[in-house]
Amino acid sequence: MGTNGSTVLEPLRQGLPPVDPTAVSGSASCALPARYEAVRGARSFTRSTLSQWGLDDRFDDVALVVSELVTNALRHALPDESRTGEEPPVRLHLMRWSTRLVCAVRDPSEDRPGGAFSPDRTEENCDAESGRGLFLVDSYSDSWGWHPLAGRLTGKVVWALFLLQD
């Protein structure tokens, strides 16, 4: 994850028991090209990473959420010129602690994900024309959110948290 790991982890400290960024028991990250085929690559990366961590039983739920987050980043967060650029504009991070797993997707847009969709108004959102993917993220993960990046990085991170059995 490099030096921006604490930036990605910052919102996970809000409303949850303290998370020590140095106590991550596993982390993996991959850059994704600005093509819809990248969703398949993100699922494959997720499968192999979860397998290495002994979390194969969580693959279905986590892969569904990863697919939605990556699809949203590719569909809504990329300016047209980034689809032809050489630098992959979307990045998937998977982080594991003993009791939680976090999937985080970084993209170059600072726009709120899902427009008016909000995790605290899921009932209102399920009938909306867009935002149904975030309804799935909300349904399959234990918590999710987003935050703009700070410092030299621009864009945002959309994350989903999965609680793990001890």
N, C-alpha and C. Protein backbone atom coordinates (compact mmCIF):
# COMPACT_ATOMS: atom_id res chain seq x y z
N MET A 1 0.81 -1.19 0.00
CA MET A 1 0.00 0.00 0.00
C MET A 1 0.85 1.25 0.00
N GLY A 2 2.05 1.16 0.39
CA GLY A 2 2.89 2.34 0.35
C GLY A 2 2.61 3.28 1.51
N THR A 3 2.98 4.53 1.33
CA THR A 3 2.91 5.50 2.41
C THR A 3 1.51 6.03 2.66
N ASN A 4 0.56 5.77 1.77
CA ASN A 4 -0.78 6.31 1.97
C ASN A 4 -1.70 5.36 2.72
N GLY A 5 -1.16 4.29 3.29
CA GLY A 5 -1.99 3.33 4.01
C GLY A 5 -2.77 3.96 5.14
N SER A 6 -2.15 4.87 5.89
CA SER A 6 -2.87 5.49 7.00
C SER A 6 -3.99 6.38 6.49
N THR A 7 -3.84 6.97 5.30
CA THR A 7 -4.91 7.77 4.72
C THR A 7 -6.10 6.89 4.39
N VAL A 8 -5.86 5.73 3.84
CA VAL A 8 -6.94 4.81 3.50
C VAL A 8 -7.62 4.31 4.77
N LEU A 9 -6.87 4.10 5.84
CA LEU A 9 -7.41 3.53 7.06
C LEU A 9 -8.11 4.55 7.95
N GLU A 10 -7.88 5.82 7.78
CA GLU A 10 -8.40 6.84 8.68
C GLU A 10 -9.90 6.72 8.97
N PRO A 11 -10.77 6.57 7.97
CA PRO A 11 -12.20 6.54 8.30
C PRO A 11 -12.62 5.29 9.05
N LEU A 12 -11.80 4.27 9.04
CA LEU A 12 -12.15 3.04 9.73
C LEU A 12 -12.02 3.20 11.23
N ARG A 13 -11.40 4.27 11.67
CA ARG A 13 -11.26 4.53 13.10
C ARG A 13 -12.50 5.19 13.66
N GLN A 14 -13.36 5.71 12.81
CA GLN A 14 -14.52 6.44 13.26
C GLN A 14 -15.66 5.48 13.60
N GLY A 15 -16.09 5.47 14.84
CA GLY A 15 -17.22 4.66 15.26
C GLY A 15 -16.91 3.19 15.46
N LEU A 16 -15.65 2.81 15.38
CA LEU A 16 -15.27 1.42 15.58
C LEU A 16 -14.19 1.34 16.65
N PRO A 17 -13.98 0.16 17.22
CA PRO A 17 -12.86 0.03 18.15
C PRO A 17 -11.57 0.46 17.45
N PRO A 18 -10.61 0.95 18.21
CA PRO A 18 -9.37 1.47 17.60
C PRO A 18 -8.71 0.45 16.67
N VAL A 19 -8.22 0.94 15.57
CA VAL A 19 -7.48 0.13 14.60
C VAL A 19 -6.07 0.67 14.54
N ASP A 20 -5.11 -0.17 14.85
CA ASP A 20 -3.72 0.23 14.76
C ASP A 20 -3.22 -0.14 13.37
N PRO A 21 -2.87 0.87 12.53
CA PRO A 21 -2.43 0.56 11.16
C PRO A 21 -1.22 -0.36 11.13
N THR A 22 -0.42 -0.37 12.20
CA THR A 22 0.75 -1.25 12.22
C THR A 22 0.37 -2.69 12.57
N ALA A 23 -0.87 -2.92 13.02
CA ALA A 23 -1.30 -4.26 13.41
C ALA A 23 -2.00 -5.00 12.28
N VAL A 24 -1.93 -4.49 11.08
CA VAL A 24 -2.52 -5.18 9.94
C VAL A 24 -1.80 -6.52 9.79
N SER A 25 -2.57 -7.61 9.79
CA SER A 25 -1.94 -8.92 9.66
C SER A 25 -1.75 -9.32 8.20
N GLY A 26 -2.38 -8.60 7.31
CA GLY A 26 -2.19 -8.85 5.89
C GLY A 26 -2.72 -7.69 5.08
N SER A 27 -2.03 -7.34 4.03
CA SER A 27 -2.55 -6.33 3.13
C SER A 27 -2.06 -6.63 1.73
N ALA A 28 -2.90 -6.32 0.79
CA ALA A 28 -2.56 -6.55 -0.62
C ALA A 28 -3.25 -5.46 -1.43
N SER A 29 -2.64 -5.12 -2.53
CA SER A 29 -3.16 -4.03 -3.34
C SER A 29 -2.87 -4.32 -4.80
N CYS A 30 -3.78 -3.91 -5.66
CA CYS A 30 -3.52 -4.05 -7.09
C CYS A 30 -4.09 -2.86 -7.84
N ALA A 31 -3.37 -2.44 -8.87
CA ALA A 31 -3.83 -1.38 -9.75
C ALA A 31 -4.74 -2.01 -10.80
N LEU A 32 -5.79 -1.29 -11.15
CA LEU A 32 -6.76 -1.80 -12.12
C LEU A 32 -6.84 -0.85 -13.31
N PRO A 33 -6.75 -1.38 -14.51
CA PRO A 33 -6.85 -0.53 -15.69
C PRO A 33 -8.28 0.00 -15.86
N ALA A 34 -8.41 1.06 -16.62
CA ALA A 34 -9.72 1.70 -16.83
C ALA A 34 -10.50 0.97 -17.92
N ARG A 35 -10.73 -0.30 -17.69
CA ARG A 35 -11.53 -1.13 -18.60
C ARG A 35 -12.43 -2.00 -17.74
N TYR A 36 -13.62 -2.27 -18.24
CA TYR A 36 -14.57 -3.07 -17.46
C TYR A 36 -14.09 -4.48 -17.21
N GLU A 37 -13.17 -4.98 -18.03
CA GLU A 37 -12.60 -6.30 -17.79
C GLU A 37 -11.82 -6.33 -16.48
N ALA A 38 -11.49 -5.16 -15.96
CA ALA A 38 -10.75 -5.09 -14.69
C ALA A 38 -11.56 -5.66 -13.54
N VAL A 39 -12.88 -5.68 -13.65
CA VAL A 39 -13.71 -6.24 -12.58
C VAL A 39 -13.39 -7.73 -12.40
N ARG A 40 -13.25 -8.43 -13.50
CA ARG A 40 -12.88 -9.85 -13.43
C ARG A 40 -11.52 -10.01 -12.76
N GLY A 41 -10.57 -9.16 -13.12
CA GLY A 41 -9.25 -9.19 -12.50
C GLY A 41 -9.31 -8.90 -11.01
N ALA A 42 -10.17 -7.97 -10.62
CA ALA A 42 -10.33 -7.64 -9.19
C ALA A 42 -10.88 -8.85 -8.42
N ARG A 43 -11.84 -9.56 -9.01
CA ARG A 43 -12.38 -10.76 -8.35
C ARG A 43 -11.30 -11.84 -8.23
N SER A 44 -10.52 -12.02 -9.29
CA SER A 44 -9.45 -13.01 -9.26
C SER A 44 -8.40 -12.66 -8.20
N PHE A 45 -8.02 -11.40 -8.15
CA PHE A 45 -7.08 -10.92 -7.14
C PHE A 45 -7.65 -11.17 -5.73
N THR A 46 -8.93 -10.89 -5.55
CA THR A 46 -9.59 -11.10 -4.27
C THR A 46 -9.59 -12.57 -3.90
N ARG A 47 -9.92 -13.43 -4.85
CA ARG A 47 -9.94 -14.88 -4.58
C ARG A 47 -8.56 -15.36 -4.12
N SER A 48 -7.51 -15.00 -4.85
CA SER A 48 -6.18 -15.49 -4.49
C SER A 48 -5.72 -14.91 -3.15
N THR A 49 -6.04 -13.64 -2.89
CA THR A 49 -5.63 -13.02 -1.62
C THR A 49 -6.36 -13.66 -0.45
N LEU A 50 -7.67 -13.82 -0.56
CA LEU A 50 -8.43 -14.45 0.53
C LEU A 50 -7.98 -15.88 0.76
N SER A 51 -7.64 -16.58 -0.31
CA SER A 51 -7.14 -17.95 -0.18
C SER A 51 -5.83 -17.97 0.60
N GLN A 52 -4.93 -17.04 0.30
CA GLN A 52 -3.66 -16.96 1.02
C GLN A 52 -3.88 -16.68 2.50
N TRP A 53 -4.93 -15.94 2.82
CA TRP A 53 -5.22 -15.58 4.20
C TRP A 53 -6.13 -16.60 4.89
N GLY A 54 -6.49 -17.68 4.21
CA GLY A 54 -7.36 -18.69 4.81
C GLY A 54 -8.79 -18.23 4.98
N LEU A 55 -9.23 -17.34 4.11
CA LEU A 55 -10.59 -16.79 4.20
C LEU A 55 -11.44 -17.17 2.98
N ASP A 56 -11.22 -18.35 2.44
CA ASP A 56 -11.97 -18.80 1.26
C ASP A 56 -13.48 -18.76 1.49
N ASP A 57 -13.91 -19.03 2.73
CA ASP A 57 -15.34 -19.06 3.02
C ASP A 57 -16.00 -17.69 2.92
N ARG A 58 -15.24 -16.62 2.89
CA ARG A 58 -15.79 -15.26 2.77
C ARG A 58 -15.79 -14.75 1.33
N PHE A 59 -15.28 -15.56 0.40
CA PHE A 59 -15.10 -15.08 -0.97
C PHE A 59 -16.38 -14.57 -1.62
N ASP A 60 -17.48 -15.29 -1.53
CA ASP A 60 -18.69 -14.90 -2.26
C ASP A 60 -19.15 -13.49 -1.88
N ASP A 61 -19.27 -13.23 -0.60
CA ASP A 61 -19.72 -11.90 -0.15
C ASP A 61 -18.71 -10.81 -0.50
N VAL A 62 -17.44 -11.10 -0.23
CA VAL A 62 -16.40 -10.09 -0.48
C VAL A 62 -16.28 -9.83 -1.98
N ALA A 63 -16.33 -10.86 -2.80
CA ALA A 63 -16.21 -10.68 -4.25
C ALA A 63 -17.37 -9.87 -4.81
N LEU A 64 -18.57 -10.09 -4.30
CA LEU A 64 -19.72 -9.30 -4.75
C LEU A 64 -19.50 -7.82 -4.44
N VAL A 65 -19.04 -7.53 -3.24
CA VAL A 65 -18.79 -6.14 -2.83
C VAL A 65 -17.65 -5.54 -3.64
N VAL A 66 -16.57 -6.27 -3.81
CA VAL A 66 -15.44 -5.79 -4.62
C VAL A 66 -15.91 -5.48 -6.03
N SER A 67 -16.71 -6.38 -6.62
CA SER A 67 -17.22 -6.16 -7.97
C SER A 67 -18.02 -4.88 -8.07
N GLU A 68 -18.88 -4.63 -7.09
CA GLU A 68 -19.70 -3.42 -7.10
C GLU A 68 -18.85 -2.17 -6.94
N LEU A 69 -17.91 -2.19 -6.00
CA LEU A 69 -17.08 -1.01 -5.77
C LEU A 69 -16.20 -0.69 -6.98
N VAL A 70 -15.61 -1.72 -7.58
CA VAL A 70 -14.76 -1.49 -8.75
C VAL A 70 -15.60 -1.04 -9.94
N THR A 71 -16.76 -1.66 -10.16
CA THR A 71 -17.64 -1.25 -11.25
C THR A 71 -18.05 0.20 -11.09
N ASN A 72 -18.43 0.60 -9.87
CA ASN A 72 -18.80 1.99 -9.63
C ASN A 72 -17.65 2.94 -9.94
N ALA A 73 -16.45 2.58 -9.52
CA ALA A 73 -15.29 3.43 -9.79
C ALA A 73 -15.06 3.57 -11.29
N LEU A 74 -15.16 2.46 -12.01
CA LEU A 74 -14.93 2.50 -13.46
C LEU A 74 -16.04 3.24 -14.19
N ARG A 75 -17.26 3.08 -13.75
CA ARG A 75 -18.41 3.66 -14.45
C ARG A 75 -18.61 5.14 -14.12
N HIS A 76 -18.43 5.51 -12.87
CA HIS A 76 -18.83 6.85 -12.44
C HIS A 76 -17.69 7.78 -12.05
N ALA A 77 -16.51 7.24 -11.78
CA ALA A 77 -15.48 8.08 -11.18
C ALA A 77 -14.34 8.45 -12.12
N LEU A 78 -14.37 7.94 -13.33
CA LEU A 78 -13.26 8.20 -14.23
C LEU A 78 -13.62 9.22 -15.30
N PRO A 79 -12.79 10.25 -15.44
CA PRO A 79 -12.99 11.14 -16.59
C PRO A 79 -12.64 10.38 -17.87
N ASP A 80 -13.23 10.77 -18.97
CA ASP A 80 -13.00 10.05 -20.23
C ASP A 80 -11.54 9.92 -20.59
N GLU A 81 -10.73 10.96 -20.33
CA GLU A 81 -9.33 10.89 -20.72
C GLU A 81 -8.54 9.86 -19.91
N SER A 82 -9.00 9.49 -18.72
CA SER A 82 -8.26 8.50 -17.93
C SER A 82 -8.47 7.09 -18.48
N ARG A 83 -9.46 6.89 -19.31
CA ARG A 83 -9.70 5.56 -19.88
C ARG A 83 -8.64 5.19 -20.91
N THR A 84 -7.90 6.17 -21.39
CA THR A 84 -6.86 5.89 -22.37
C THR A 84 -5.48 6.14 -21.80
N GLY A 85 -5.38 6.63 -20.58
CA GLY A 85 -4.08 6.95 -19.97
C GLY A 85 -3.29 5.71 -19.64
N GLU A 86 -2.03 5.90 -19.36
CA GLU A 86 -1.15 4.78 -19.06
C GLU A 86 -1.19 4.40 -17.58
N GLU A 87 -1.40 5.35 -16.71
CA GLU A 87 -1.45 5.11 -15.27
C GLU A 87 -2.80 4.53 -14.87
N PRO A 88 -2.85 3.32 -14.28
CA PRO A 88 -4.15 2.80 -13.83
C PRO A 88 -4.77 3.72 -12.79
N PRO A 89 -5.96 4.22 -13.04
CA PRO A 89 -6.56 5.22 -12.16
C PRO A 89 -7.32 4.65 -10.96
N VAL A 90 -7.54 3.34 -10.94
CA VAL A 90 -8.31 2.71 -9.86
C VAL A 90 -7.41 1.70 -9.18
N ARG A 91 -7.51 1.64 -7.86
CA ARG A 91 -6.68 0.72 -7.10
C ARG A 91 -7.55 0.01 -6.06
N LEU A 92 -7.38 -1.30 -5.95
CA LEU A 92 -8.08 -2.12 -4.96
C LEU A 92 -7.11 -2.47 -3.83
N HIS A 93 -7.54 -2.21 -2.61
CA HIS A 93 -6.76 -2.56 -1.42
C HIS A 93 -7.57 -3.57 -0.61
N LEU A 94 -6.93 -4.62 -0.15
CA LEU A 94 -7.52 -5.57 0.79
C LEU A 94 -6.64 -5.57 2.03
N MET A 95 -7.25 -5.37 3.20
CA MET A 95 -6.50 -5.33 4.45
C MET A 95 -7.18 -6.24 5.46
N ARG A 96 -6.37 -6.98 6.19
CA ARG A 96 -6.92 -7.94 7.14
C ARG A 96 -6.29 -7.74 8.51
N TRP A 97 -7.16 -7.77 9.51
CA TRP A 97 -6.76 -7.84 10.90
C TRP A 97 -7.31 -9.15 11.41
N SER A 98 -7.09 -9.47 12.66
CA SER A 98 -7.59 -10.74 13.19
C SER A 98 -9.11 -10.80 13.18
N THR A 99 -9.80 -9.67 13.35
CA THR A 99 -11.26 -9.70 13.46
C THR A 99 -11.98 -8.93 12.36
N ARG A 100 -11.25 -8.40 11.39
CA ARG A 100 -11.92 -7.66 10.33
C ARG A 100 -11.13 -7.68 9.04
N LEU A 101 -11.88 -7.52 7.97
CA LEU A 101 -11.33 -7.44 6.61
C LEU A 101 -11.91 -6.19 5.98
N VAL A 102 -11.07 -5.42 5.32
CA VAL A 102 -11.51 -4.21 4.66
C VAL A 102 -11.15 -4.28 3.19
N CYS A 103 -12.13 -3.95 2.36
CA CYS A 103 -11.92 -3.78 0.92
C CYS A 103 -12.04 -2.29 0.67
N ALA A 104 -11.06 -1.72 0.02
CA ALA A 104 -11.09 -0.28 -0.27
C ALA A 104 -10.73 -0.07 -1.73
N VAL A 105 -11.52 0.74 -2.41
CA VAL A 105 -11.26 1.05 -3.82
C VAL A 105 -10.99 2.55 -3.92
N ARG A 106 -9.83 2.87 -4.44
CA ARG A 106 -9.43 4.27 -4.62
C ARG A 106 -9.65 4.66 -6.07
N ASP A 107 -10.23 5.85 -6.28
CA ASP A 107 -10.43 6.35 -7.64
C ASP A 107 -10.14 7.85 -7.68
N PRO A 108 -10.02 8.44 -8.86
CA PRO A 108 -9.61 9.85 -8.96
C PRO A 108 -10.73 10.87 -8.74
N SER A 109 -11.96 10.45 -8.57
CA SER A 109 -13.07 11.39 -8.40
C SER A 109 -13.25 11.76 -6.93
N GLU A 110 -13.61 13.01 -6.70
CA GLU A 110 -13.91 13.44 -5.34
C GLU A 110 -15.42 13.48 -5.10
N ASP A 111 -16.21 13.05 -6.08
CA ASP A 111 -17.67 13.04 -5.95
C ASP A 111 -18.11 11.95 -4.99
N ARG A 112 -19.17 12.24 -4.28
CA ARG A 112 -19.79 11.28 -3.37
C ARG A 112 -20.24 10.05 -4.16
N PRO A 113 -19.95 8.85 -3.68
CA PRO A 113 -20.39 7.65 -4.41
C PRO A 113 -21.92 7.52 -4.37
N GLY A 114 -22.50 7.15 -5.48
CA GLY A 114 -23.94 6.91 -5.54
C GLY A 114 -24.79 8.15 -5.52
N GLY A 115 -24.20 9.31 -5.67
CA GLY A 115 -24.99 10.54 -5.66
C GLY A 115 -25.70 10.72 -4.34
N ALA A 116 -27.02 10.65 -4.35
CA ALA A 116 -27.80 10.87 -3.13
C ALA A 116 -27.86 9.62 -2.25
N PHE A 117 -27.32 8.50 -2.72
CA PHE A 117 -27.36 7.28 -1.91
C PHE A 117 -26.59 7.51 -0.62
N SER A 118 -27.13 7.03 0.46
CA SER A 118 -26.49 7.19 1.75
C SER A 118 -26.68 5.91 2.55
N PRO A 119 -25.63 5.42 3.24
CA PRO A 119 -25.77 4.18 4.01
C PRO A 119 -26.88 4.25 5.06
N ASP A 120 -27.17 5.44 5.57
CA ASP A 120 -28.19 5.54 6.60
C ASP A 120 -29.60 5.72 6.04
N ARG A 121 -29.74 5.72 4.70
CA ARG A 121 -31.07 5.84 4.08
C ARG A 121 -31.28 4.74 3.03
N THR A 122 -30.91 3.51 3.37
CA THR A 122 -30.96 2.43 2.39
C THR A 122 -32.38 2.15 1.90
N GLU A 123 -33.37 2.27 2.75
CA GLU A 123 -34.75 2.00 2.33
C GLU A 123 -35.19 2.95 1.23
N GLU A 124 -34.82 4.21 1.32
CA GLU A 124 -35.17 5.19 0.29
C GLU A 124 -34.42 4.93 -1.01
N ASN A 125 -33.23 4.36 -0.90
CA ASN A 125 -32.35 4.24 -2.04
C ASN A 125 -32.61 3.03 -2.93
N CYS A 126 -33.25 2.00 -2.42
CA CYS A 126 -33.37 0.77 -3.20
C CYS A 126 -34.27 0.93 -4.42
N ASP A 127 -35.11 1.97 -4.45
CA ASP A 127 -35.94 2.23 -5.62
C ASP A 127 -35.30 3.21 -6.60
N ALA A 128 -34.16 3.76 -6.24
CA ALA A 128 -33.50 4.75 -7.10
C ALA A 128 -32.98 4.09 -8.37
N GLU A 129 -32.88 4.88 -9.43
CA GLU A 129 -32.38 4.38 -10.71
C GLU A 129 -30.92 3.95 -10.62
N SER A 130 -30.13 4.65 -9.84
CA SER A 130 -28.75 4.25 -9.61
C SER A 130 -28.56 4.10 -8.10
N GLY A 131 -27.47 3.48 -7.70
CA GLY A 131 -27.22 3.29 -6.29
C GLY A 131 -27.60 1.91 -5.79
N ARG A 132 -28.16 1.07 -6.66
CA ARG A 132 -28.53 -0.29 -6.22
C ARG A 132 -27.29 -1.11 -5.87
N GLY A 133 -26.18 -0.85 -6.57
CA GLY A 133 -24.94 -1.54 -6.24
C GLY A 133 -24.50 -1.23 -4.83
N LEU A 134 -24.66 0.02 -4.42
CA LEU A 134 -24.30 0.38 -3.05
C LEU A 134 -25.28 -0.22 -2.05
N PHE A 135 -26.51 -0.46 -2.47
CA PHE A 135 -27.45 -1.17 -1.62
C PHE A 135 -26.93 -2.59 -1.35
N LEU A 136 -26.38 -3.24 -2.39
CA LEU A 136 -25.78 -4.56 -2.20
C LEU A 136 -24.56 -4.49 -1.29
N VAL A 137 -23.73 -3.48 -1.49
CA VAL A 137 -22.56 -3.30 -0.63
C VAL A 137 -23.02 -3.17 0.82
N ASP A 138 -24.05 -2.36 1.04
CA ASP A 138 -24.58 -2.17 2.38
C ASP A 138 -25.15 -3.47 2.95
N SER A 139 -25.78 -4.26 2.10
CA SER A 139 -26.42 -5.50 2.55
C SER A 139 -25.42 -6.61 2.87
N TYR A 140 -24.33 -6.69 2.12
CA TYR A 140 -23.41 -7.81 2.26
C TYR A 140 -22.22 -7.51 3.17
N SER A 141 -21.91 -6.25 3.40
CA SER A 141 -20.81 -5.92 4.30
C SER A 141 -21.37 -5.52 5.66
N ASP A 142 -20.51 -5.47 6.66
CA ASP A 142 -20.96 -5.06 7.99
C ASP A 142 -21.01 -3.55 8.12
N SER A 143 -20.29 -2.85 7.27
CA SER A 143 -20.27 -1.40 7.29
C SER A 143 -19.57 -0.93 6.02
N TRP A 144 -19.89 0.27 5.57
CA TRP A 144 -19.17 0.83 4.43
C TRP A 144 -19.21 2.35 4.53
N GLY A 145 -18.35 2.97 3.77
CA GLY A 145 -18.29 4.42 3.77
C GLY A 145 -17.32 4.91 2.72
N TRP A 146 -17.04 6.18 2.75
CA TRP A 146 -16.10 6.76 1.80
C TRP A 146 -15.50 8.00 2.42
N HIS A 147 -14.39 8.43 1.84
CA HIS A 147 -13.79 9.69 2.26
C HIS A 147 -12.89 10.21 1.15
N PRO A 148 -12.77 11.53 1.06
CA PRO A 148 -11.83 12.09 0.09
C PRO A 148 -10.40 11.85 0.56
N LEU A 149 -9.49 11.73 -0.37
CA LEU A 149 -8.09 11.57 -0.02
C LEU A 149 -7.49 12.92 0.34
N ALA A 150 -6.43 12.88 1.10
CA ALA A 150 -5.78 14.12 1.54
C ALA A 150 -4.32 14.12 1.07
N GLY A 151 -3.71 15.25 1.22
CA GLY A 151 -2.29 15.36 0.87
C GLY A 151 -2.08 15.40 -0.63
N ARG A 152 -1.07 14.69 -1.08
CA ARG A 152 -0.72 14.69 -2.51
C ARG A 152 -1.71 13.89 -3.36
N LEU A 153 -2.45 13.02 -2.74
CA LEU A 153 -3.39 12.19 -3.49
C LEU A 153 -4.71 12.93 -3.70
N THR A 154 -5.27 12.78 -4.87
CA THR A 154 -6.60 13.34 -5.12
C THR A 154 -7.55 12.19 -5.39
N GLY A 155 -8.80 12.43 -5.15
CA GLY A 155 -9.81 11.41 -5.36
C GLY A 155 -10.44 11.00 -4.05
N LYS A 156 -10.90 9.75 -4.03
CA LYS A 156 -11.57 9.25 -2.83
C LYS A 156 -11.30 7.76 -2.67
N VAL A 157 -11.67 7.27 -1.51
CA VAL A 157 -11.63 5.84 -1.22
C VAL A 157 -13.03 5.45 -0.77
N VAL A 158 -13.56 4.41 -1.36
CA VAL A 158 -14.82 3.82 -0.92
C VAL A 158 -14.44 2.47 -0.31
N TRP A 159 -14.88 2.23 0.92
CA TRP A 159 -14.46 1.04 1.64
C TRP A 159 -15.65 0.25 2.18
N ALA A 160 -15.41 -1.03 2.38
CA ALA A 160 -16.41 -1.90 3.00
C ALA A 160 -15.70 -2.76 4.04
N LEU A 161 -16.34 -2.93 5.17
CA LEU A 161 -15.79 -3.68 6.28
C LEU A 161 -16.55 -4.98 6.47
N PHE A 162 -15.80 -6.06 6.68
CA PHE A 162 -16.38 -7.37 6.99
C PHE A 162 -15.80 -7.82 8.32
N LEU A 163 -16.65 -8.13 9.28
CA LEU A 163 -16.19 -8.66 10.55
C LEU A 163 -15.91 -10.15 10.37
N LEU A 164 -14.81 -10.61 10.97
CA LEU A 164 -14.39 -12.00 10.85
C LEU A 164 -14.59 -12.72 12.17
N GLN A 165 -14.79 -14.02 12.09
CA GLN A 165 -14.92 -14.84 13.30
C GLN A 165 -13.56 -14.95 13.97
N ASP A 166 -13.56 -14.97 15.30
CA ASP A 166 -12.29 -15.16 16.03
C ASP A 166 -11.83 -16.58 15.93
